[in-house]
């Protein structure tokens, strides 16, 4: 039996010059993420005509295929999968203390070698990918916990009475994470651009 295939596509986000209006920069991020998602579909041999969304903005399946996007000023990404899927990408940078306390605790940091901004970002992206897969967003952040970090490219997250396998990748000062149904049995083929984002773009915060 063939293993499910995940083909996340990650690209530098264009049009992030700070001289541009913030609304235009956000729209450029959104468009870049959707283009990355369509590129992910193409790698699976799919030609999706659209990426439908609910009124809330949540991704809707198309012809049985689920999709997810994430975007920051540095990178935008997308993935298509034959089941619920969530992806997140974030830059490593300092965060507010209340954000750290809300997102994770000392026991979770101990699983990855202690506190650092990189480890915080790694934990955050893993949880956000799981919550996106579940379709609930950050409303269930408190019920999402890291229970293991078997490798530098994987985490096990407990959410809704299930243990979920999360694929991870670190590149150019950013962490990206993917959670999908049957992720542990899936094969992941990252398509992460070798082009590094500009220094100005790298100062962006959490994905919008």
C-alpha atoms as a PDB file:
ATOM      1  CA  UNK A   1       0.000   0.000   0.000  1.00  0.00           C
ATOM      2  CA  UNK A   2       1.335   3.422  -0.975  1.00  0.00           C
ATOM      3  CA  UNK A   3       2.016   5.848   1.860  1.00  0.00           C
ATOM      4  CA  UNK A   4       0.031   9.116   1.865  1.00  0.00           C
ATOM      5  CA  UNK A   5       2.130  11.907   0.382  1.00  0.00           C
ATOM      6  CA  UNK A   6       2.564  15.407   1.779  1.00  0.00           C
ATOM      7  CA  UNK A   7       4.150  17.972  -0.550  1.00  0.00           C
ATOM      8  CA  UNK A   8       4.354  21.281   1.331  1.00  0.00           C
ATOM      9  CA  UNK A   9       5.595  24.222  -0.726  1.00  0.00           C
ATOM     10  CA  UNK A  10       7.364  27.128   1.025  1.00  0.00           C
ATOM     11  CA  UNK A  11       8.363  30.289  -0.847  1.00  0.00           C
ATOM     12  CA  UNK A  12       9.729  33.743   0.072  1.00  0.00           C
ATOM     13  CA  UNK A  13       6.868  36.224   0.347  1.00  0.00           C
ATOM     14  CA  UNK A  14       7.029  38.968  -2.309  1.00  0.00           C
ATOM     15  CA  UNK A  15       5.854  42.539  -1.924  1.00  0.00           C
ATOM     16  CA  UNK A  16       6.797  43.084   1.729  1.00  0.00           C
ATOM     17  CA  UNK A  17       8.644  46.388   1.429  1.00  0.00           C
ATOM     18  CA  UNK A  18       7.691  48.536   4.416  1.00  0.00           C
ATOM     19  CA  UNK A  19       7.022  51.479   2.134  1.00  0.00           C
ATOM     20  CA  UNK A  20       3.922  49.616   0.896  1.00  0.00           C
ATOM     21  CA  UNK A  21       0.554  49.953   2.681  1.00  0.00           C
ATOM     22  CA  UNK A  22       0.022  47.232   5.303  1.00  0.00           C
ATOM     23  CA  UNK A  23      -3.183  46.027   3.604  1.00  0.00           C
ATOM     24  CA  UNK A  24      -1.288  45.487   0.355  1.00  0.00           C
ATOM     25  CA  UNK A  25       1.505  43.610   2.134  1.00  0.00           C
ATOM     26  CA  UNK A  26      -1.037  41.321   3.828  1.00  0.00           C
ATOM     27  CA  UNK A  27      -2.800  40.696   0.526  1.00  0.00           C
ATOM     28  CA  UNK A  28       0.552  39.838  -1.085  1.00  0.00           C
ATOM     29  CA  UNK A  29       1.153  37.314   1.708  1.00  0.00           C
ATOM     30  CA  UNK A  30      -2.261  35.734   1.201  1.00  0.00           C
ATOM     31  CA  UNK A  31      -1.845  35.464  -2.561  1.00  0.00           C
ATOM     32  CA  UNK A  32       1.654  33.980  -2.212  1.00  0.00           C
ATOM     33  CA  UNK A  33       0.356  31.346   0.216  1.00  0.00           C
ATOM     34  CA  UNK A  34      -2.468  30.372  -2.136  1.00  0.00           C
ATOM     35  CA  UNK A  35       0.000  30.114  -5.017  1.00  0.00           C
ATOM     36  CA  UNK A  36       2.154  27.822  -2.868  1.00  0.00           C
ATOM     37  CA  UNK A  37      -0.920  25.711  -2.143  1.00  0.00           C
ATOM     38  CA  UNK A  38      -1.719  25.355  -5.842  1.00  0.00           C
ATOM     39  CA  UNK A  39       1.923  24.407  -6.437  1.00  0.00           C
ATOM     40  CA  UNK A  40       1.548  21.685  -3.780  1.00  0.00           C
ATOM     41  CA  UNK A  41      -1.522  20.380  -5.614  1.00  0.00           C
ATOM     42  CA  UNK A  42       0.399  20.354  -8.888  1.00  0.00           C
ATOM     43  CA  UNK A  43       3.132  18.223  -7.310  1.00  0.00           C
ATOM     44  CA  UNK A  44       0.424  15.664  -6.545  1.00  0.00           C
ATOM     45  CA  UNK A  45      -0.776  15.719 -10.150  1.00  0.00           C
ATOM     46  CA  UNK A  46      -3.811  17.857  -9.347  1.00  0.00           C
ATOM     47  CA  UNK A  47      -5.077  20.885 -11.220  1.00  0.00           C
ATOM     48  CA  UNK A  48      -7.309  22.643  -8.705  1.00  0.00           C
ATOM     49  CA  UNK A  49      -9.341  25.459 -10.197  1.00  0.00           C
ATOM     50  CA  UNK A  50      -9.949  27.184  -6.875  1.00  0.00           C
ATOM     51  CA  UNK A  51      -9.325  27.085  -3.143  1.00  0.00           C
ATOM     52  CA  UNK A  52     -12.774  27.635  -1.593  1.00  0.00           C
ATOM     53  CA  UNK A  53     -13.247  29.127   1.858  1.00  0.00           C
ATOM     54  CA  UNK A  54     -16.120  29.369   4.324  1.00  0.00           C
ATOM     55  CA  UNK A  55     -17.431  32.797   5.332  1.00  0.00           C
ATOM     56  CA  UNK A  56     -15.208  32.502   8.397  1.00  0.00           C
ATOM     57  CA  UNK A  57     -12.191  32.151   6.112  1.00  0.00           C
ATOM     58  CA  UNK A  58     -11.648  28.481   6.968  1.00  0.00           C
ATOM     59  CA  UNK A  59     -10.465  26.323   4.034  1.00  0.00           C
ATOM     60  CA  UNK A  60     -13.137  24.099   2.455  1.00  0.00           C
ATOM     61  CA  UNK A  61     -12.299  20.755   0.778  1.00  0.00           C
ATOM     62  CA  UNK A  62     -12.507  20.614  -3.004  1.00  0.00           C
ATOM     63  CA  UNK A  63     -13.210  17.286  -4.720  1.00  0.00           C
ATOM     64  CA  UNK A  64     -12.162  15.468  -1.544  1.00  0.00           C
ATOM     65  CA  UNK A  65      -8.866  17.339  -1.191  1.00  0.00           C
ATOM     66  CA  UNK A  66      -8.141  19.440   1.896  1.00  0.00           C
ATOM     67  CA  UNK A  67      -5.765  22.376   1.959  1.00  0.00           C
ATOM     68  CA  UNK A  68      -4.015  24.719   4.376  1.00  0.00           C
ATOM     69  CA  UNK A  69      -1.907  27.855   4.094  1.00  0.00           C
ATOM     70  CA  UNK A  70       0.268  30.038   6.316  1.00  0.00           C
ATOM     71  CA  UNK A  71       2.092  33.287   5.656  1.00  0.00           C
ATOM     72  CA  UNK A  72       4.501  35.721   7.250  1.00  0.00           C
ATOM     73  CA  UNK A  73       6.535  38.591   5.870  1.00  0.00           C
ATOM     74  CA  UNK A  74       9.389  36.138   5.279  1.00  0.00           C
ATOM     75  CA  UNK A  75       7.783  33.006   3.866  1.00  0.00           C
ATOM     76  CA  UNK A  76       4.402  31.836   2.597  1.00  0.00           C
ATOM     77  CA  UNK A  77       3.434  28.177   2.351  1.00  0.00           C
ATOM     78  CA  UNK A  78       0.647  25.818   1.388  1.00  0.00           C
ATOM     79  CA  UNK A  79      -0.169  22.124   1.288  1.00  0.00           C
ATOM     80  CA  UNK A  80      -2.887  19.900  -0.214  1.00  0.00           C
ATOM     81  CA  UNK A  81      -3.786  16.484   1.218  1.00  0.00           C
ATOM     82  CA  UNK A  82      -6.576  13.863   0.906  1.00  0.00           C
ATOM     83  CA  UNK A  83      -7.684  14.479   4.502  1.00  0.00           C
ATOM     84  CA  UNK A  84      -7.726  17.237   7.139  1.00  0.00           C
ATOM     85  CA  UNK A  85      -4.399  19.069   7.173  1.00  0.00           C
ATOM     86  CA  UNK A  86      -2.799  22.056   8.872  1.00  0.00           C
ATOM     87  CA  UNK A  87       0.424  23.924   8.124  1.00  0.00           C
ATOM     88  CA  UNK A  88       2.160  26.793   9.891  1.00  0.00           C
ATOM     89  CA  UNK A  89       5.357  28.757   9.314  1.00  0.00           C
ATOM     90  CA  UNK A  90       6.823  31.337  11.695  1.00  0.00           C
ATOM     91  CA  UNK A  91      10.095  33.278  12.080  1.00  0.00           C
ATOM     92  CA  UNK A  92      12.238  32.798  15.176  1.00  0.00           C
ATOM     93  CA  UNK A  93      12.091  36.052  17.139  1.00  0.00           C
ATOM     94  CA  UNK A  94      11.337  37.364  20.605  1.00  0.00           C
ATOM     95  CA  UNK A  95       7.717  37.273  21.780  1.00  0.00           C
ATOM     96  CA  UNK A  96       5.780  38.843  24.622  1.00  0.00           C
ATOM     97  CA  UNK A  97       5.943  37.042  27.963  1.00  0.00           C
ATOM     98  CA  UNK A  98       2.175  36.510  28.108  1.00  0.00           C
ATOM     99  CA  UNK A  99       2.281  34.849  24.686  1.00  0.00           C
ATOM    100  CA  UNK A 100       4.871  32.349  25.928  1.00  0.00           C
ATOM    101  CA  UNK A 101       2.908  31.580  29.091  1.00  0.00           C
ATOM    102  CA  UNK A 102      -0.297  31.035  27.117  1.00  0.00           C
ATOM    103  CA  UNK A 103       1.298  28.821  24.472  1.00  0.00           C
ATOM    104  CA  UNK A 104       3.453  26.376  26.458  1.00  0.00           C
ATOM    105  CA  UNK A 105       4.911  25.457  29.828  1.00  0.00           C
ATOM    106  CA  UNK A 106       8.254  24.399  31.286  1.00  0.00           C
ATOM    107  CA  UNK A 107       7.575  20.667  30.852  1.00  0.00           C
ATOM    108  CA  UNK A 108       7.132  21.181  27.119  1.00  0.00           C
ATOM    109  CA  UNK A 109      10.332  23.207  26.878  1.00  0.00           C
ATOM    110  CA  UNK A 110      12.165  20.431  28.744  1.00  0.00           C
ATOM    111  CA  UNK A 111      11.205  18.016  25.938  1.00  0.00           C
ATOM    112  CA  UNK A 112      13.196  20.097  23.446  1.00  0.00           C
ATOM    113  CA  UNK A 113      16.183  20.966  25.627  1.00  0.00           C
ATOM    114  CA  UNK A 114      14.903  24.008  27.481  1.00  0.00           C
ATOM    115  CA  UNK A 115      13.757  27.492  26.603  1.00  0.00           C
ATOM    116  CA  UNK A 116      15.032  29.346  23.556  1.00  0.00           C
ATOM    117  CA  UNK A 117      13.219  31.488  21.029  1.00  0.00           C
ATOM    118  CA  UNK A 118      13.812  28.788  18.428  1.00  0.00           C
ATOM    119  CA  UNK A 119      12.293  26.112  20.674  1.00  0.00           C
ATOM    120  CA  UNK A 120       9.315  28.330  21.451  1.00  0.00           C
ATOM    121  CA  UNK A 121       8.683  28.881  17.747  1.00  0.00           C
ATOM    122  CA  UNK A 122       9.032  25.168  17.088  1.00  0.00           C
ATOM    123  CA  UNK A 123       6.434  24.357  19.756  1.00  0.00           C
ATOM    124  CA  UNK A 124       4.095  27.121  18.582  1.00  0.00           C
ATOM    125  CA  UNK A 125       4.088  26.012  14.944  1.00  0.00           C
ATOM    126  CA  UNK A 126       3.467  22.387  15.929  1.00  0.00           C
ATOM    127  CA  UNK A 127       0.440  23.352  17.990  1.00  0.00           C
ATOM    128  CA  UNK A 128      -0.935  25.734  15.398  1.00  0.00           C
ATOM    129  CA  UNK A 129      -0.631  23.093  12.666  1.00  0.00           C
ATOM    130  CA  UNK A 130      -2.603  20.633  14.833  1.00  0.00           C
ATOM    131  CA  UNK A 131      -5.276  23.218  15.629  1.00  0.00           C
ATOM    132  CA  UNK A 132      -5.597  24.141  11.959  1.00  0.00           C
ATOM    133  CA  UNK A 133      -6.019  20.475  11.080  1.00  0.00           C
ATOM    134  CA  UNK A 134      -8.779  20.216  13.692  1.00  0.00           C
ATOM    135  CA  UNK A 135     -10.444  23.319  12.264  1.00  0.00           C
ATOM    136  CA  UNK A 136     -10.734  24.989  15.664  1.00  0.00           C
ATOM    137  CA  UNK A 137      -7.980  27.593  15.638  1.00  0.00           C
ATOM    138  CA  UNK A 138      -6.426  28.992  18.786  1.00  0.00           C
ATOM    139  CA  UNK A 139      -9.640  28.595  20.812  1.00  0.00           C
ATOM    140  CA  UNK A 140      -8.371  25.155  21.876  1.00  0.00           C
ATOM    141  CA  UNK A 141      -4.731  26.112  22.428  1.00  0.00           C
ATOM    142  CA  UNK A 142      -4.930  25.259  26.141  1.00  0.00           C
ATOM    143  CA  UNK A 143      -5.974  21.696  25.275  1.00  0.00           C
ATOM    144  CA  UNK A 144      -3.037  21.135  22.932  1.00  0.00           C
ATOM    145  CA  UNK A 145       0.174  19.765  24.501  1.00  0.00           C
ATOM    146  CA  UNK A 146       3.555  18.580  23.268  1.00  0.00           C
ATOM    147  CA  UNK A 147       4.149  15.096  24.696  1.00  0.00           C
ATOM    148  CA  UNK A 148       7.286  14.042  22.789  1.00  0.00           C
ATOM    149  CA  UNK A 149       9.939  15.332  20.399  1.00  0.00           C
ATOM    150  CA  UNK A 150      11.453  12.135  18.956  1.00  0.00           C
ATOM    151  CA  UNK A 151      13.666  13.937  16.417  1.00  0.00           C
ATOM    152  CA  UNK A 152      14.606  17.468  15.344  1.00  0.00           C
ATOM    153  CA  UNK A 153      12.024  17.120  12.581  1.00  0.00           C
ATOM    154  CA  UNK A 154       9.060  15.706  14.483  1.00  0.00           C
ATOM    155  CA  UNK A 155       6.820  16.241  17.483  1.00  0.00           C
ATOM    156  CA  UNK A 156       3.957  14.319  19.047  1.00  0.00           C
ATOM    157  CA  UNK A 157       1.066  16.557  20.087  1.00  0.00           C
ATOM    158  CA  UNK A 158      -1.875  15.538  22.275  1.00  0.00           C
ATOM    159  CA  UNK A 159      -5.199  17.116  21.296  1.00  0.00           C
ATOM    160  CA  UNK A 160      -8.796  15.927  21.631  1.00  0.00           C
ATOM    161  CA  UNK A 161      -7.790  12.632  23.243  1.00  0.00           C
ATOM    162  CA  UNK A 162      -5.460  11.753  20.352  1.00  0.00           C
ATOM    163  CA  UNK A 163      -1.700  11.762  19.835  1.00  0.00           C
ATOM    164  CA  UNK A 164      -0.851  13.463  16.548  1.00  0.00           C
ATOM    165  CA  UNK A 165       2.441  13.256  14.646  1.00  0.00           C
ATOM    166  CA  UNK A 166       3.761  16.583  13.348  1.00  0.00           C
ATOM    167  CA  UNK A 167       6.435  16.915  10.662  1.00  0.00           C
ATOM    168  CA  UNK A 168       8.772  19.894  11.115  1.00  0.00           C
ATOM    169  CA  UNK A 169      11.463  21.725   9.197  1.00  0.00           C
ATOM    170  CA  UNK A 170      13.807  24.592  10.094  1.00  0.00           C
ATOM    171  CA  UNK A 171      15.328  26.826   7.454  1.00  0.00           C
ATOM    172  CA  UNK A 172      16.474  30.442   7.118  1.00  0.00           C
ATOM    173  CA  UNK A 173      15.447  31.310  10.684  1.00  0.00           C
ATOM    174  CA  UNK A 174      11.923  29.914  10.282  1.00  0.00           C
ATOM    175  CA  UNK A 175      10.130  26.829  11.616  1.00  0.00           C
ATOM    176  CA  UNK A 176       7.405  25.123   9.590  1.00  0.00           C
ATOM    177  CA  UNK A 177       5.129  22.354  10.873  1.00  0.00           C
ATOM    178  CA  UNK A 178       2.535  20.082   9.250  1.00  0.00           C
ATOM    179  CA  UNK A 179      -0.184  17.994  10.865  1.00  0.00           C
ATOM    180  CA  UNK A 180      -2.493  15.761   8.846  1.00  0.00           C
ATOM    181  CA  UNK A 181      -4.665  12.712   9.245  1.00  0.00           C
ATOM    182  CA  UNK A 182      -2.367   9.658   9.211  1.00  0.00           C
ATOM    183  CA  UNK A 183       0.662  11.969   9.282  1.00  0.00           C
ATOM    184  CA  UNK A 184       2.777   9.359  11.043  1.00  0.00           C
ATOM    185  CA  UNK A 185       2.312   6.979   8.130  1.00  0.00           C
ATOM    186  CA  UNK A 186       2.769   9.656   5.478  1.00  0.00           C
ATOM    187  CA  UNK A 187       5.806  10.562   3.417  1.00  0.00           C
ATOM    188  CA  UNK A 188       6.716  14.240   3.381  1.00  0.00           C
ATOM    189  CA  UNK A 189       8.568  15.907   0.513  1.00  0.00           C
ATOM    190  CA  UNK A 190       9.377  19.488   1.382  1.00  0.00           C
ATOM    191  CA  UNK A 191       9.691  21.973  -1.460  1.00  0.00           C
ATOM    192  CA  UNK A 192      11.325  24.876   0.388  1.00  0.00           C
ATOM    193  CA  UNK A 193      12.880  27.555  -1.776  1.00  0.00           C
ATOM    194  CA  UNK A 194      16.637  28.056  -1.535  1.00  0.00           C
ATOM    195  CA  UNK A 195      16.051  31.796  -1.822  1.00  0.00           C
ATOM    196  CA  UNK A 196      16.401  33.494   1.558  1.00  0.00           C
ATOM    197  CA  UNK A 197      13.932  36.288   2.421  1.00  0.00           C
ATOM    198  CA  UNK A 198      15.248  39.823   2.781  1.00  0.00           C
ATOM    199  CA  UNK A 199      16.480  40.991   6.181  1.00  0.00           C
ATOM    200  CA  UNK A 200      13.541  43.399   6.363  1.00  0.00           C
ATOM    201  CA  UNK A 201      11.044  40.616   5.695  1.00  0.00           C
ATOM    202  CA  UNK A 202      12.528  38.389   8.402  1.00  0.00           C
ATOM    203  CA  UNK A 203      11.484  40.753  11.189  1.00  0.00           C
ATOM    204  CA  UNK A 204       7.796  39.887  10.683  1.00  0.00           C
ATOM    205  CA  UNK A 205       5.758  38.320  13.478  1.00  0.00           C
ATOM    206  CA  UNK A 206       3.239  35.489  13.631  1.00  0.00           C
ATOM    207  CA  UNK A 207       1.415  34.655  10.435  1.00  0.00           C
ATOM    208  CA  UNK A 208      -1.574  36.823   9.672  1.00  0.00           C
END
